[in-house]
Amino acid sequence: MSRPPTSRERILDAFEGILIDDGERAATLEAVASRAEVSKGGLLYHFGSKDAMIDGLIDRLSARVNEDVAQIRAAEEGPIAYLLRTSVTSQSPFDRTIMACLSLAHSAHDEVRSALRGMQDAWFAVVRENVDDPVLARVITLVSDGLYFNSVLRDGGQQISADELDRLVGYLRASAAARG
């Protein structure tokens, strides 16, 4: 049985939701507190300002990236297949955190852009651990980004088919093996 989310987690979930649904301007302290079903005082207990919520979101992103990198390393079918197959959005908590951070990255939030670059760097590094050719490793991570972007644009609609994804994974794995 899973435990119910803490007030801090509910606040960050609400902040993410508002950023995704309505954008940063709508993500006021009052709106976040209301959506999280906490008092404004309860929100301020956990996050003293909107900037503190942004810092909390960055910390959440970092933790989720670390978990994802560990899963990439442990993936049974290998890092290339795992990275590409998980690059199609699923509305997972990690996807929602990424989308919320992308919403903030459009504004003057250098720290969020830096955290997103760190996420990309972590994925490149884990692919690079398994792919000798740095150019091919970069291609794999760029394909991952493209799959993600495409699936976000299609909003759950027709994305790459399972067969196309299997062929793409096979092609890139074979390319890495031929260069390794």
N, C-alpha and C. Protein backbone atom coordinates (compact mmCIF):
# COMPACT_ATOMS: atom_id res chain seq x y z
N MET A 1 0.84 -1.18 0.00
CA MET A 1 0.00 0.00 0.00
C MET A 1 0.89 1.24 0.00
N SER A 2 0.64 2.16 -0.90
CA SER A 2 1.47 3.37 -0.97
C SER A 2 0.93 4.42 0.00
N ARG A 3 1.84 5.21 0.45
CA ARG A 3 1.46 6.25 1.41
C ARG A 3 0.87 7.44 0.66
N PRO A 4 -0.01 8.19 1.28
CA PRO A 4 -0.56 9.38 0.62
C PRO A 4 0.54 10.44 0.48
N PRO A 5 0.42 11.27 -0.55
CA PRO A 5 1.47 12.29 -0.72
C PRO A 5 1.48 13.28 0.43
N THR A 6 2.67 13.75 0.76
CA THR A 6 2.81 14.76 1.80
C THR A 6 2.30 16.09 1.26
N SER A 7 2.10 17.04 2.15
CA SER A 7 1.67 18.38 1.72
C SER A 7 2.68 18.98 0.75
N ARG A 8 3.95 18.79 1.02
CA ARG A 8 5.00 19.31 0.13
C ARG A 8 4.87 18.71 -1.27
N GLU A 9 4.64 17.40 -1.34
CA GLU A 9 4.48 16.74 -2.64
C GLU A 9 3.22 17.24 -3.35
N ARG A 10 2.12 17.39 -2.59
CA ARG A 10 0.87 17.89 -3.20
C ARG A 10 1.06 19.31 -3.73
N ILE A 11 1.83 20.13 -3.03
CA ILE A 11 2.10 21.49 -3.49
C ILE A 11 2.89 21.45 -4.78
N LEU A 12 3.94 20.64 -4.82
CA LEU A 12 4.73 20.54 -6.06
C LEU A 12 3.89 19.96 -7.20
N ASP A 13 3.05 18.98 -6.91
CA ASP A 13 2.16 18.43 -7.94
C ASP A 13 1.23 19.52 -8.47
N ALA A 14 0.67 20.32 -7.57
CA ALA A 14 -0.23 21.39 -7.98
C ALA A 14 0.52 22.44 -8.80
N PHE A 15 1.71 22.80 -8.38
CA PHE A 15 2.53 23.77 -9.11
C PHE A 15 2.81 23.26 -10.51
N GLU A 16 3.21 21.97 -10.62
CA GLU A 16 3.43 21.38 -11.94
C GLU A 16 2.17 21.45 -12.78
N GLY A 17 1.05 21.07 -12.20
CA GLY A 17 -0.21 21.05 -12.95
C GLY A 17 -0.59 22.40 -13.49
N ILE A 18 -0.44 23.42 -12.69
CA ILE A 18 -0.78 24.77 -13.14
C ILE A 18 0.18 25.23 -14.23
N LEU A 19 1.46 24.96 -14.05
CA LEU A 19 2.44 25.33 -15.07
C LEU A 19 2.12 24.66 -16.41
N ILE A 20 1.76 23.40 -16.36
CA ILE A 20 1.46 22.65 -17.59
C ILE A 20 0.15 23.12 -18.21
N ASP A 21 -0.87 23.27 -17.38
CA ASP A 21 -2.21 23.59 -17.89
C ASP A 21 -2.39 25.05 -18.26
N ASP A 22 -1.82 25.95 -17.45
CA ASP A 22 -2.14 27.37 -17.60
C ASP A 22 -0.93 28.29 -17.73
N GLY A 23 0.27 27.79 -17.50
CA GLY A 23 1.46 28.61 -17.63
C GLY A 23 1.89 29.26 -16.33
N GLU A 24 3.07 29.85 -16.39
CA GLU A 24 3.68 30.40 -15.18
C GLU A 24 2.88 31.54 -14.57
N ARG A 25 2.31 32.39 -15.38
CA ARG A 25 1.58 33.55 -14.84
C ARG A 25 0.42 33.12 -13.95
N ALA A 26 -0.17 31.98 -14.25
CA ALA A 26 -1.30 31.49 -13.46
C ALA A 26 -0.85 30.81 -12.17
N ALA A 27 0.43 30.51 -12.05
CA ALA A 27 0.94 29.75 -10.91
C ALA A 27 1.26 30.68 -9.74
N THR A 28 0.23 31.35 -9.26
CA THR A 28 0.40 32.20 -8.08
C THR A 28 0.40 31.33 -6.83
N LEU A 29 0.88 31.88 -5.74
CA LEU A 29 0.88 31.14 -4.48
C LEU A 29 -0.55 30.74 -4.12
N GLU A 30 -1.50 31.65 -4.31
CA GLU A 30 -2.89 31.37 -3.98
C GLU A 30 -3.45 30.23 -4.83
N ALA A 31 -3.16 30.26 -6.13
CA ALA A 31 -3.67 29.23 -7.03
C ALA A 31 -3.06 27.87 -6.70
N VAL A 32 -1.78 27.85 -6.39
CA VAL A 32 -1.11 26.59 -6.05
C VAL A 32 -1.68 26.05 -4.74
N ALA A 33 -1.85 26.90 -3.74
CA ALA A 33 -2.40 26.46 -2.46
C ALA A 33 -3.81 25.90 -2.65
N SER A 34 -4.61 26.57 -3.43
CA SER A 34 -5.98 26.11 -3.68
C SER A 34 -5.98 24.74 -4.37
N ARG A 35 -5.18 24.61 -5.40
CA ARG A 35 -5.14 23.34 -6.14
C ARG A 35 -4.58 22.21 -5.28
N ALA A 36 -3.63 22.52 -4.41
CA ALA A 36 -3.04 21.51 -3.53
C ALA A 36 -3.92 21.21 -2.32
N GLU A 37 -4.96 22.03 -2.15
CA GLU A 37 -5.87 21.91 -1.02
C GLU A 37 -5.15 22.08 0.31
N VAL A 38 -4.31 23.12 0.34
CA VAL A 38 -3.65 23.52 1.58
C VAL A 38 -3.90 25.02 1.74
N SER A 39 -3.73 25.50 2.96
CA SER A 39 -3.86 26.94 3.18
C SER A 39 -2.64 27.64 2.60
N LYS A 40 -2.77 28.93 2.38
CA LYS A 40 -1.60 29.68 1.91
C LYS A 40 -0.49 29.60 2.95
N GLY A 41 -0.85 29.63 4.23
CA GLY A 41 0.14 29.49 5.30
C GLY A 41 0.82 28.14 5.23
N GLY A 42 0.06 27.09 4.91
CA GLY A 42 0.65 25.76 4.77
C GLY A 42 1.63 25.71 3.61
N LEU A 43 1.28 26.38 2.51
CA LEU A 43 2.20 26.44 1.37
C LEU A 43 3.46 27.18 1.78
N LEU A 44 3.28 28.33 2.45
CA LEU A 44 4.45 29.14 2.83
C LEU A 44 5.33 28.43 3.86
N TYR A 45 4.75 27.51 4.62
CA TYR A 45 5.56 26.72 5.55
C TYR A 45 6.59 25.88 4.78
N HIS A 46 6.15 25.32 3.66
CA HIS A 46 7.03 24.46 2.85
C HIS A 46 7.86 25.24 1.84
N PHE A 47 7.26 26.28 1.29
CA PHE A 47 7.91 27.08 0.25
C PHE A 47 7.62 28.55 0.54
N GLY A 48 8.64 29.29 0.94
CA GLY A 48 8.45 30.67 1.35
C GLY A 48 8.16 31.63 0.21
N SER A 49 8.27 31.18 -1.03
CA SER A 49 8.04 32.06 -2.18
C SER A 49 7.88 31.19 -3.43
N LYS A 50 7.50 31.85 -4.50
CA LYS A 50 7.41 31.14 -5.79
C LYS A 50 8.79 30.65 -6.20
N ASP A 51 9.83 31.45 -5.94
CA ASP A 51 11.19 31.01 -6.26
C ASP A 51 11.56 29.74 -5.50
N ALA A 52 11.09 29.63 -4.26
CA ALA A 52 11.36 28.42 -3.48
C ALA A 52 10.63 27.22 -4.09
N MET A 53 9.42 27.44 -4.64
CA MET A 53 8.73 26.34 -5.32
C MET A 53 9.49 25.93 -6.58
N ILE A 54 10.04 26.91 -7.29
CA ILE A 54 10.86 26.60 -8.47
C ILE A 54 12.07 25.78 -8.05
N ASP A 55 12.72 26.18 -6.96
CA ASP A 55 13.86 25.39 -6.45
C ASP A 55 13.42 23.97 -6.09
N GLY A 56 12.24 23.84 -5.48
CA GLY A 56 11.71 22.52 -5.15
C GLY A 56 11.45 21.68 -6.40
N LEU A 57 10.97 22.33 -7.44
CA LEU A 57 10.73 21.64 -8.71
C LEU A 57 12.05 21.19 -9.34
N ILE A 58 13.06 22.02 -9.26
CA ILE A 58 14.39 21.65 -9.77
C ILE A 58 14.94 20.47 -8.99
N ASP A 59 14.78 20.49 -7.66
CA ASP A 59 15.24 19.36 -6.84
C ASP A 59 14.49 18.08 -7.23
N ARG A 60 13.19 18.20 -7.47
CA ARG A 60 12.39 17.05 -7.89
C ARG A 60 12.89 16.53 -9.23
N LEU A 61 13.15 17.43 -10.17
CA LEU A 61 13.67 17.03 -11.48
C LEU A 61 14.99 16.28 -11.31
N SER A 62 15.88 16.82 -10.51
CA SER A 62 17.18 16.20 -10.30
C SER A 62 17.04 14.79 -9.72
N ALA A 63 16.17 14.63 -8.75
CA ALA A 63 15.95 13.31 -8.14
C ALA A 63 15.38 12.34 -9.17
N ARG A 64 14.46 12.82 -9.99
CA ARG A 64 13.84 11.94 -10.99
C ARG A 64 14.83 11.60 -12.10
N VAL A 65 15.70 12.52 -12.45
CA VAL A 65 16.74 12.22 -13.44
C VAL A 65 17.68 11.15 -12.89
N ASN A 66 18.08 11.29 -11.63
CA ASN A 66 18.96 10.28 -11.01
C ASN A 66 18.31 8.90 -11.01
N GLU A 67 17.01 8.84 -10.70
CA GLU A 67 16.29 7.57 -10.73
C GLU A 67 16.25 7.01 -12.15
N ASP A 68 16.01 7.88 -13.12
CA ASP A 68 15.92 7.45 -14.52
C ASP A 68 17.26 6.93 -15.00
N VAL A 69 18.34 7.61 -14.67
CA VAL A 69 19.67 7.16 -15.08
C VAL A 69 19.97 5.79 -14.47
N ALA A 70 19.58 5.58 -13.23
CA ALA A 70 19.78 4.26 -12.61
C ALA A 70 18.97 3.19 -13.35
N GLN A 71 17.76 3.54 -13.76
CA GLN A 71 16.93 2.58 -14.51
C GLN A 71 17.52 2.32 -15.90
N ILE A 72 18.08 3.35 -16.52
CA ILE A 72 18.73 3.16 -17.82
C ILE A 72 19.88 2.17 -17.67
N ARG A 73 20.70 2.36 -16.64
CA ARG A 73 21.84 1.47 -16.42
C ARG A 73 21.41 0.03 -16.15
N ALA A 74 20.29 -0.14 -15.49
CA ALA A 74 19.84 -1.47 -15.10
C ALA A 74 18.90 -2.11 -16.13
N ALA A 75 18.56 -1.40 -17.18
CA ALA A 75 17.57 -1.89 -18.15
C ALA A 75 18.03 -3.19 -18.79
N GLU A 76 17.14 -4.16 -18.78
CA GLU A 76 17.46 -5.48 -19.32
C GLU A 76 17.78 -5.44 -20.80
N GLU A 77 17.04 -4.65 -21.57
CA GLU A 77 17.30 -4.62 -23.02
C GLU A 77 18.35 -3.59 -23.40
N GLY A 78 18.97 -2.96 -22.42
CA GLY A 78 20.07 -2.05 -22.67
C GLY A 78 19.65 -0.59 -22.67
N PRO A 79 20.64 0.30 -22.55
CA PRO A 79 20.36 1.72 -22.40
C PRO A 79 19.75 2.37 -23.63
N ILE A 80 20.15 1.96 -24.82
CA ILE A 80 19.61 2.59 -26.02
C ILE A 80 18.12 2.31 -26.12
N ALA A 81 17.75 1.05 -26.00
CA ALA A 81 16.33 0.68 -26.09
C ALA A 81 15.52 1.35 -24.98
N TYR A 82 16.04 1.33 -23.76
CA TYR A 82 15.31 1.93 -22.65
C TYR A 82 15.10 3.42 -22.88
N LEU A 83 16.16 4.12 -23.23
CA LEU A 83 16.05 5.56 -23.42
C LEU A 83 15.05 5.90 -24.51
N LEU A 84 15.13 5.21 -25.64
CA LEU A 84 14.23 5.53 -26.75
C LEU A 84 12.79 5.15 -26.43
N ARG A 85 12.59 4.00 -25.82
CA ARG A 85 11.22 3.57 -25.52
C ARG A 85 10.56 4.45 -24.47
N THR A 86 11.34 5.02 -23.58
CA THR A 86 10.76 5.89 -22.55
C THR A 86 10.74 7.36 -22.99
N SER A 87 11.13 7.61 -24.23
CA SER A 87 11.12 8.98 -24.74
C SER A 87 9.77 9.38 -25.30
N VAL A 88 8.84 8.45 -25.35
CA VAL A 88 7.48 8.75 -25.76
C VAL A 88 6.71 9.05 -24.48
N THR A 89 6.12 10.23 -24.39
CA THR A 89 5.51 10.65 -23.13
C THR A 89 4.40 9.70 -22.70
N SER A 90 4.30 9.55 -21.41
CA SER A 90 3.28 8.68 -20.84
C SER A 90 2.49 9.39 -19.74
N GLN A 91 2.74 10.67 -19.59
CA GLN A 91 2.13 11.45 -18.50
C GLN A 91 2.55 10.91 -17.14
N SER A 92 3.72 10.30 -17.08
CA SER A 92 4.25 9.82 -15.80
C SER A 92 4.61 11.03 -14.93
N PRO A 93 4.83 10.81 -13.65
CA PRO A 93 5.28 11.92 -12.80
C PRO A 93 6.55 12.59 -13.35
N PHE A 94 7.47 11.79 -13.88
CA PHE A 94 8.70 12.35 -14.45
C PHE A 94 8.37 13.22 -15.67
N ASP A 95 7.48 12.74 -16.55
CA ASP A 95 7.08 13.54 -17.71
C ASP A 95 6.48 14.87 -17.27
N ARG A 96 5.64 14.83 -16.26
CA ARG A 96 4.98 16.05 -15.80
C ARG A 96 6.01 17.04 -15.23
N THR A 97 7.01 16.52 -14.54
CA THR A 97 8.05 17.40 -14.01
C THR A 97 8.83 18.04 -15.16
N ILE A 98 9.16 17.25 -16.17
CA ILE A 98 9.87 17.80 -17.33
C ILE A 98 9.02 18.88 -18.00
N MET A 99 7.75 18.59 -18.24
CA MET A 99 6.88 19.56 -18.92
C MET A 99 6.75 20.85 -18.11
N ALA A 100 6.64 20.73 -16.79
CA ALA A 100 6.54 21.91 -15.95
C ALA A 100 7.82 22.73 -16.02
N CYS A 101 8.96 22.05 -16.00
CA CYS A 101 10.24 22.76 -16.11
C CYS A 101 10.39 23.41 -17.48
N LEU A 102 9.94 22.74 -18.52
CA LEU A 102 9.98 23.35 -19.85
C LEU A 102 9.13 24.61 -19.91
N SER A 103 8.01 24.59 -19.21
CA SER A 103 7.16 25.79 -19.14
C SER A 103 7.92 26.95 -18.51
N LEU A 104 8.69 26.67 -17.47
CA LEU A 104 9.47 27.72 -16.81
C LEU A 104 10.69 28.13 -17.62
N ALA A 105 11.23 27.21 -18.40
CA ALA A 105 12.45 27.50 -19.15
C ALA A 105 12.24 28.59 -20.20
N HIS A 106 11.00 28.81 -20.59
CA HIS A 106 10.71 29.84 -21.58
C HIS A 106 10.85 31.24 -20.99
N SER A 107 10.76 31.33 -19.68
CA SER A 107 10.90 32.62 -19.00
C SER A 107 12.36 32.82 -18.61
N ALA A 108 12.61 33.81 -17.84
CA ALA A 108 13.98 34.12 -17.43
C ALA A 108 14.37 33.28 -16.22
N HIS A 109 14.37 31.98 -16.37
CA HIS A 109 14.74 31.08 -15.27
C HIS A 109 15.96 30.27 -15.68
N ASP A 110 17.11 30.90 -15.58
CA ASP A 110 18.36 30.25 -15.98
C ASP A 110 18.61 28.96 -15.21
N GLU A 111 18.21 28.94 -13.92
CA GLU A 111 18.45 27.76 -13.10
C GLU A 111 17.64 26.56 -13.61
N VAL A 112 16.46 26.82 -14.16
CA VAL A 112 15.64 25.73 -14.71
C VAL A 112 16.27 25.24 -16.02
N ARG A 113 16.68 26.17 -16.86
CA ARG A 113 17.35 25.77 -18.12
C ARG A 113 18.61 24.97 -17.81
N SER A 114 19.34 25.38 -16.80
CA SER A 114 20.55 24.66 -16.40
C SER A 114 20.20 23.24 -15.92
N ALA A 115 19.13 23.09 -15.16
CA ALA A 115 18.72 21.77 -14.68
C ALA A 115 18.29 20.89 -15.86
N LEU A 116 17.61 21.46 -16.83
CA LEU A 116 17.21 20.69 -18.02
C LEU A 116 18.43 20.28 -18.84
N ARG A 117 19.40 21.18 -18.95
CA ARG A 117 20.65 20.81 -19.64
C ARG A 117 21.37 19.70 -18.88
N GLY A 118 21.33 19.77 -17.56
CA GLY A 118 21.92 18.71 -16.74
C GLY A 118 21.25 17.37 -16.98
N MET A 119 19.93 17.39 -17.18
CA MET A 119 19.20 16.17 -17.50
C MET A 119 19.70 15.60 -18.82
N GLN A 120 19.81 16.44 -19.83
CA GLN A 120 20.30 15.98 -21.13
C GLN A 120 21.73 15.47 -21.03
N ASP A 121 22.56 16.17 -20.27
CA ASP A 121 23.95 15.74 -20.09
C ASP A 121 24.02 14.37 -19.39
N ALA A 122 23.13 14.14 -18.42
CA ALA A 122 23.12 12.85 -17.72
C ALA A 122 22.73 11.73 -18.67
N TRP A 123 21.74 11.98 -19.52
CA TRP A 123 21.34 10.96 -20.49
C TRP A 123 22.47 10.70 -21.49
N PHE A 124 23.13 11.76 -21.95
CA PHE A 124 24.24 11.58 -22.88
C PHE A 124 25.35 10.76 -22.22
N ALA A 125 25.65 11.09 -20.96
CA ALA A 125 26.73 10.38 -20.26
C ALA A 125 26.43 8.90 -20.11
N VAL A 126 25.19 8.55 -19.80
CA VAL A 126 24.87 7.13 -19.62
C VAL A 126 24.86 6.40 -20.96
N VAL A 127 24.45 7.08 -22.03
CA VAL A 127 24.54 6.46 -23.36
C VAL A 127 26.01 6.30 -23.73
N ARG A 128 26.79 7.30 -23.43
CA ARG A 128 28.23 7.29 -23.77
C ARG A 128 28.97 6.16 -23.05
N GLU A 129 28.49 5.77 -21.87
CA GLU A 129 29.08 4.64 -21.15
C GLU A 129 28.97 3.35 -21.96
N ASN A 130 28.00 3.32 -22.88
CA ASN A 130 27.70 2.10 -23.62
C ASN A 130 27.91 2.21 -25.12
N VAL A 131 28.21 3.41 -25.59
CA VAL A 131 28.41 3.64 -27.02
C VAL A 131 29.76 4.33 -27.18
N ASP A 132 30.69 3.66 -27.83
CA ASP A 132 32.04 4.20 -27.96
C ASP A 132 32.11 5.46 -28.81
N ASP A 133 31.30 5.54 -29.84
CA ASP A 133 31.33 6.67 -30.79
C ASP A 133 30.54 7.85 -30.20
N PRO A 134 31.22 8.96 -29.88
CA PRO A 134 30.51 10.08 -29.28
C PRO A 134 29.47 10.71 -30.22
N VAL A 135 29.72 10.66 -31.51
CA VAL A 135 28.74 11.22 -32.46
C VAL A 135 27.47 10.36 -32.45
N LEU A 136 27.62 9.06 -32.47
CA LEU A 136 26.46 8.18 -32.42
C LEU A 136 25.73 8.33 -31.09
N ALA A 137 26.47 8.48 -29.99
CA ALA A 137 25.83 8.70 -28.69
C ALA A 137 24.99 9.98 -28.73
N ARG A 138 25.51 11.02 -29.36
CA ARG A 138 24.76 12.27 -29.48
C ARG A 138 23.53 12.06 -30.35
N VAL A 139 23.67 11.34 -31.45
CA VAL A 139 22.52 11.06 -32.32
C VAL A 139 21.43 10.34 -31.53
N ILE A 140 21.80 9.37 -30.73
CA ILE A 140 20.82 8.62 -29.94
C ILE A 140 20.07 9.55 -28.99
N THR A 141 20.79 10.43 -28.31
CA THR A 141 20.10 11.34 -27.38
C THR A 141 19.25 12.36 -28.12
N LEU A 142 19.69 12.78 -29.30
CA LEU A 142 18.87 13.70 -30.09
C LEU A 142 17.63 13.01 -30.63
N VAL A 143 17.74 11.75 -31.01
CA VAL A 143 16.56 10.99 -31.43
C VAL A 143 15.59 10.88 -30.25
N SER A 144 16.13 10.63 -29.06
CA SER A 144 15.30 10.57 -27.85
C SER A 144 14.55 11.89 -27.66
N ASP A 145 15.25 13.00 -27.78
CA ASP A 145 14.61 14.32 -27.66
C ASP A 145 13.52 14.49 -28.72
N GLY A 146 13.81 14.07 -29.94
CA GLY A 146 12.84 14.19 -31.02
C GLY A 146 11.60 13.35 -30.79
N LEU A 147 11.78 12.13 -30.28
CA LEU A 147 10.63 11.28 -29.96
C LEU A 147 9.77 11.94 -28.88
N TYR A 148 10.43 12.51 -27.88
CA TYR A 148 9.70 13.18 -26.80
C TYR A 148 8.93 14.38 -27.34
N PHE A 149 9.60 15.22 -28.09
CA PHE A 149 8.98 16.42 -28.64
C PHE A 149 7.79 16.04 -29.52
N ASN A 150 7.98 15.04 -30.37
CA ASN A 150 6.91 14.60 -31.26
C ASN A 150 5.71 14.10 -30.46
N SER A 151 5.95 13.34 -29.41
CA SER A 151 4.83 12.81 -28.64
C SER A 151 4.11 13.90 -27.87
N VAL A 152 4.84 14.92 -27.42
CA VAL A 152 4.20 16.04 -26.73
C VAL A 152 3.30 16.80 -27.71
N LEU A 153 3.78 17.02 -28.92
CA LEU A 153 3.00 17.74 -29.93
C LEU A 153 1.73 16.99 -30.31
N ARG A 154 1.81 15.68 -30.30
CA ARG A 154 0.66 14.87 -30.72
C ARG A 154 -0.31 14.61 -29.58
N ASP A 155 0.05 15.03 -28.36
CA ASP A 155 -0.85 14.98 -27.22
C ASP A 155 -1.60 13.65 -27.10
N GLY A 156 -0.85 12.57 -27.12
CA GLY A 156 -1.46 11.25 -26.97
C GLY A 156 -2.05 10.71 -28.26
N GLY A 157 -1.96 11.45 -29.33
CA GLY A 157 -2.49 10.98 -30.61
C GLY A 157 -1.53 10.02 -31.27
N GLN A 158 -1.69 9.81 -32.57
CA GLN A 158 -0.85 8.87 -33.30
C GLN A 158 0.60 9.31 -33.21
N GLN A 159 1.40 8.49 -32.59
CA GLN A 159 2.83 8.74 -32.46
C GLN A 159 3.55 7.72 -33.31
N ILE A 160 4.76 7.52 -33.07
CA ILE A 160 5.52 6.48 -33.77
C ILE A 160 4.91 5.13 -33.39
N SER A 161 4.75 4.27 -34.37
CA SER A 161 4.16 2.96 -34.08
C SER A 161 5.18 2.10 -33.33
N ALA A 162 4.67 1.07 -32.67
CA ALA A 162 5.55 0.15 -31.94
C ALA A 162 6.53 -0.51 -32.89
N ASP A 163 6.07 -0.84 -34.10
CA ASP A 163 6.95 -1.46 -35.09
C ASP A 163 8.05 -0.49 -35.53
N GLU A 164 7.69 0.77 -35.77
CA GLU A 164 8.70 1.77 -36.15
C GLU A 164 9.71 1.96 -35.03
N LEU A 165 9.22 2.01 -33.80
CA LEU A 165 10.13 2.18 -32.66
C LEU A 165 11.05 0.98 -32.53
N ASP A 166 10.52 -0.22 -32.72
CA ASP A 166 11.36 -1.42 -32.67
C ASP A 166 12.46 -1.35 -33.73
N ARG A 167 12.10 -0.93 -34.95
CA ARG A 167 13.10 -0.84 -36.03
C ARG A 167 14.14 0.24 -35.72
N LEU A 168 13.70 1.37 -35.17
CA LEU A 168 14.62 2.44 -34.81
C LEU A 168 15.60 1.97 -33.74
N VAL A 169 15.07 1.33 -32.71
CA VAL A 169 15.92 0.80 -31.64
C VAL A 169 16.91 -0.20 -32.22
N GLY A 170 16.43 -1.11 -33.04
CA GLY A 170 17.31 -2.11 -33.65
C GLY A 170 18.40 -1.48 -34.49
N TYR A 171 18.04 -0.48 -35.28
CA TYR A 171 19.01 0.20 -36.13
C TYR A 171 20.11 0.87 -35.29
N LEU A 172 19.71 1.59 -34.27
CA LEU A 172 20.69 2.31 -33.45
C LEU A 172 21.53 1.34 -32.61
N ARG A 173 20.93 0.27 -32.12
CA ARG A 173 21.72 -0.73 -31.39
C ARG A 173 22.74 -1.41 -32.31
N ALA A 174 22.31 -1.73 -33.53
CA ALA A 174 23.23 -2.36 -34.50
C ALA A 174 24.35 -1.38 -34.87
N SER A 175 24.01 -0.12 -35.03
CA SER A 175 25.03 0.89 -35.35
C SER A 175 26.04 1.00 -34.23
N ALA A 176 25.56 0.98 -32.98
CA ALA A 176 26.47 1.06 -31.83
C ALA A 176 27.36 -0.19 -31.76
N ALA A 177 26.78 -1.35 -32.01
CA ALA A 177 27.56 -2.60 -31.96
C ALA A 177 28.62 -2.62 -33.05
N ALA A 178 28.28 -2.09 -34.22
CA ALA A 178 29.24 -2.08 -35.34
C ALA A 178 30.41 -1.14 -35.07
N ARG A 179 30.16 -0.12 -34.23
CA ARG A 179 31.21 0.86 -33.94
C ARG A 179 31.95 0.52 -32.65
N GLY A 180 31.45 -0.47 -31.91
CA GLY A 180 32.04 -0.79 -30.61
C GLY A 180 32.94 -1.94 -30.71
